[in-house]
Amino acid sequence: MTKHWSIYIARKEAGHSQADVAKKLGISKQRYGLKELGKAGFTVEEGKILSELYNMTLDELFSDEIKIGS
């Protein structure tokens, strides 16, 4: 697995910390960090929450393409 750059960038642009997002997902900051780094996978439910949080489709969130800005 590789780092989820789209999720990382979306989180940074929104001004969220890993702890903020982890709380919304109901997981620990450490677990979220592993998921963002691609060392653990996101569940479908977590993907839906991130999609709503960042107003992005699942395809955009988990794409290999990096998009900066809106």
C-alpha atoms as a PDB file:
ATOM      1  CA  MET A   1       0.000   0.000   0.000  1.00  0.00           C
ATOM      2  CA  THR A   2       1.121   3.565  -0.575  1.00  0.00           C
ATOM      3  CA  LYS A   3       0.447   6.791   1.256  1.00  0.00           C
ATOM      4  CA  HIS A   4      -2.989   8.254   0.590  1.00  0.00           C
ATOM      5  CA  TRP A   5      -1.788  11.662  -0.622  1.00  0.00           C
ATOM      6  CA  SER A   6      -5.275  12.890  -1.580  1.00  0.00           C
ATOM      7  CA  ILE A   7      -6.544  12.267   1.943  1.00  0.00           C
ATOM      8  CA  TYR A   8      -3.440  13.829   3.465  1.00  0.00           C
ATOM      9  CA  ILE A   9      -3.758  16.955   1.299  1.00  0.00           C
ATOM     10  CA  ALA A  10      -7.510  17.265   1.928  1.00  0.00           C
ATOM     11  CA  ARG A  11      -6.899  16.993   5.681  1.00  0.00           C
ATOM     12  CA  LYS A  12      -4.163  19.623   5.612  1.00  0.00           C
ATOM     13  CA  GLU A  13      -6.218  22.019   3.443  1.00  0.00           C
ATOM     14  CA  ALA A  14      -9.125  21.682   5.882  1.00  0.00           C
ATOM     15  CA  GLY A  15      -6.821  22.433   8.815  1.00  0.00           C
ATOM     16  CA  HIS A  16      -7.576  19.127  10.528  1.00  0.00           C
ATOM     17  CA  SER A  17      -5.093  17.214  12.613  1.00  0.00           C
ATOM     18  CA  GLN A  18      -4.842  13.433  12.484  1.00  0.00           C
ATOM     19  CA  ALA A  19      -6.401  13.398  15.950  1.00  0.00           C
ATOM     20  CA  ASP A  20      -9.400  15.442  14.687  1.00  0.00           C
ATOM     21  CA  VAL A  21     -10.077  13.016  11.849  1.00  0.00           C
ATOM     22  CA  ALA A  22      -9.437   9.948  14.002  1.00  0.00           C
ATOM     23  CA  LYS A  23     -12.079  11.166  16.458  1.00  0.00           C
ATOM     24  CA  LYS A  24     -14.625  11.572  13.638  1.00  0.00           C
ATOM     25  CA  LEU A  25     -13.834   8.022  12.482  1.00  0.00           C
ATOM     26  CA  GLY A  26     -13.969   6.623  16.024  1.00  0.00           C
ATOM     27  CA  ILE A  27     -10.396   5.312  15.943  1.00  0.00           C
ATOM     28  CA  SER A  28      -7.120   6.233  17.631  1.00  0.00           C
ATOM     29  CA  LYS A  29      -4.763   8.840  16.209  1.00  0.00           C
ATOM     30  CA  GLN A  30      -2.120   6.147  15.832  1.00  0.00           C
ATOM     31  CA  ARG A  31      -4.475   3.904  13.845  1.00  0.00           C
ATOM     32  CA  TYR A  32      -5.501   6.802  11.615  1.00  0.00           C
ATOM     33  CA  GLY A  33      -1.826   7.603  10.991  1.00  0.00           C
ATOM     34  CA  LEU A  34      -1.236   4.042   9.804  1.00  0.00           C
ATOM     35  CA  LYS A  35      -4.231   4.247   7.484  1.00  0.00           C
ATOM     36  CA  GLU A  36      -3.154   7.573   5.987  1.00  0.00           C
ATOM     37  CA  LEU A  37       0.342   6.158   5.409  1.00  0.00           C
ATOM     38  CA  GLY A  38      -1.179   3.168   3.628  1.00  0.00           C
ATOM     39  CA  LYS A  39       0.019   0.688   6.252  1.00  0.00           C
ATOM     40  CA  ALA A  40      -3.581  -0.202   7.132  1.00  0.00           C
ATOM     41  CA  GLY A  41      -6.754   0.000   5.101  1.00  0.00           C
ATOM     42  CA  PHE A  42      -9.783   2.241   5.488  1.00  0.00           C
ATOM     43  CA  THR A  43     -13.185   0.607   5.844  1.00  0.00           C
ATOM     44  CA  VAL A  44     -16.008   1.512   3.496  1.00  0.00           C
ATOM     45  CA  GLU A  45     -17.740   3.354   6.345  1.00  0.00           C
ATOM     46  CA  GLU A  46     -14.586   5.355   7.088  1.00  0.00           C
ATOM     47  CA  GLY A  47     -14.325   6.204   3.395  1.00  0.00           C
ATOM     48  CA  LYS A  48     -17.898   7.495   3.415  1.00  0.00           C
ATOM     49  CA  ILE A  49     -17.195   9.683   6.444  1.00  0.00           C
ATOM     50  CA  LEU A  50     -14.048  11.107   4.817  1.00  0.00           C
ATOM     51  CA  SER A  51     -15.957  11.660   1.575  1.00  0.00           C
ATOM     52  CA  GLU A  52     -18.572  13.749   3.388  1.00  0.00           C
ATOM     53  CA  LEU A  53     -15.986  15.517   5.551  1.00  0.00           C
ATOM     54  CA  TYR A  54     -13.921  16.678   2.573  1.00  0.00           C
ATOM     55  CA  ASN A  55     -16.720  16.884  -0.001  1.00  0.00           C
ATOM     56  CA  MET A  56     -14.871  14.496  -2.300  1.00  0.00           C
ATOM     57  CA  THR A  57     -15.898  11.281  -4.009  1.00  0.00           C
ATOM     58  CA  LEU A  58     -14.352   8.000  -2.920  1.00  0.00           C
ATOM     59  CA  ASP A  59     -12.552   7.898  -6.267  1.00  0.00           C
ATOM     60  CA  GLU A  60     -11.015  11.316  -5.592  1.00  0.00           C
ATOM     61  CA  LEU A  61     -10.005  10.370  -2.046  1.00  0.00           C
ATOM     62  CA  PHE A  62      -8.332   7.124  -3.008  1.00  0.00           C
ATOM     63  CA  SER A  63      -6.950   8.159  -6.391  1.00  0.00           C
ATOM     64  CA  ASP A  64      -3.272   7.903  -7.253  1.00  0.00           C
ATOM     65  CA  GLU A  65      -3.505  11.384  -8.786  1.00  0.00           C
ATOM     66  CA  ILE A  66      -2.629  14.313  -6.562  1.00  0.00           C
ATOM     67  CA  LYS A  67      -4.863  17.387  -6.786  1.00  0.00           C
ATOM     68  CA  ILE A  68      -3.974  20.504  -4.825  1.00  0.00           C
ATOM     69  CA  GLY A  69      -6.622  23.153  -4.169  1.00  0.00           C
ATOM     70  CA  SER A  70     -10.271  23.017  -5.163  1.00  0.00           C
END
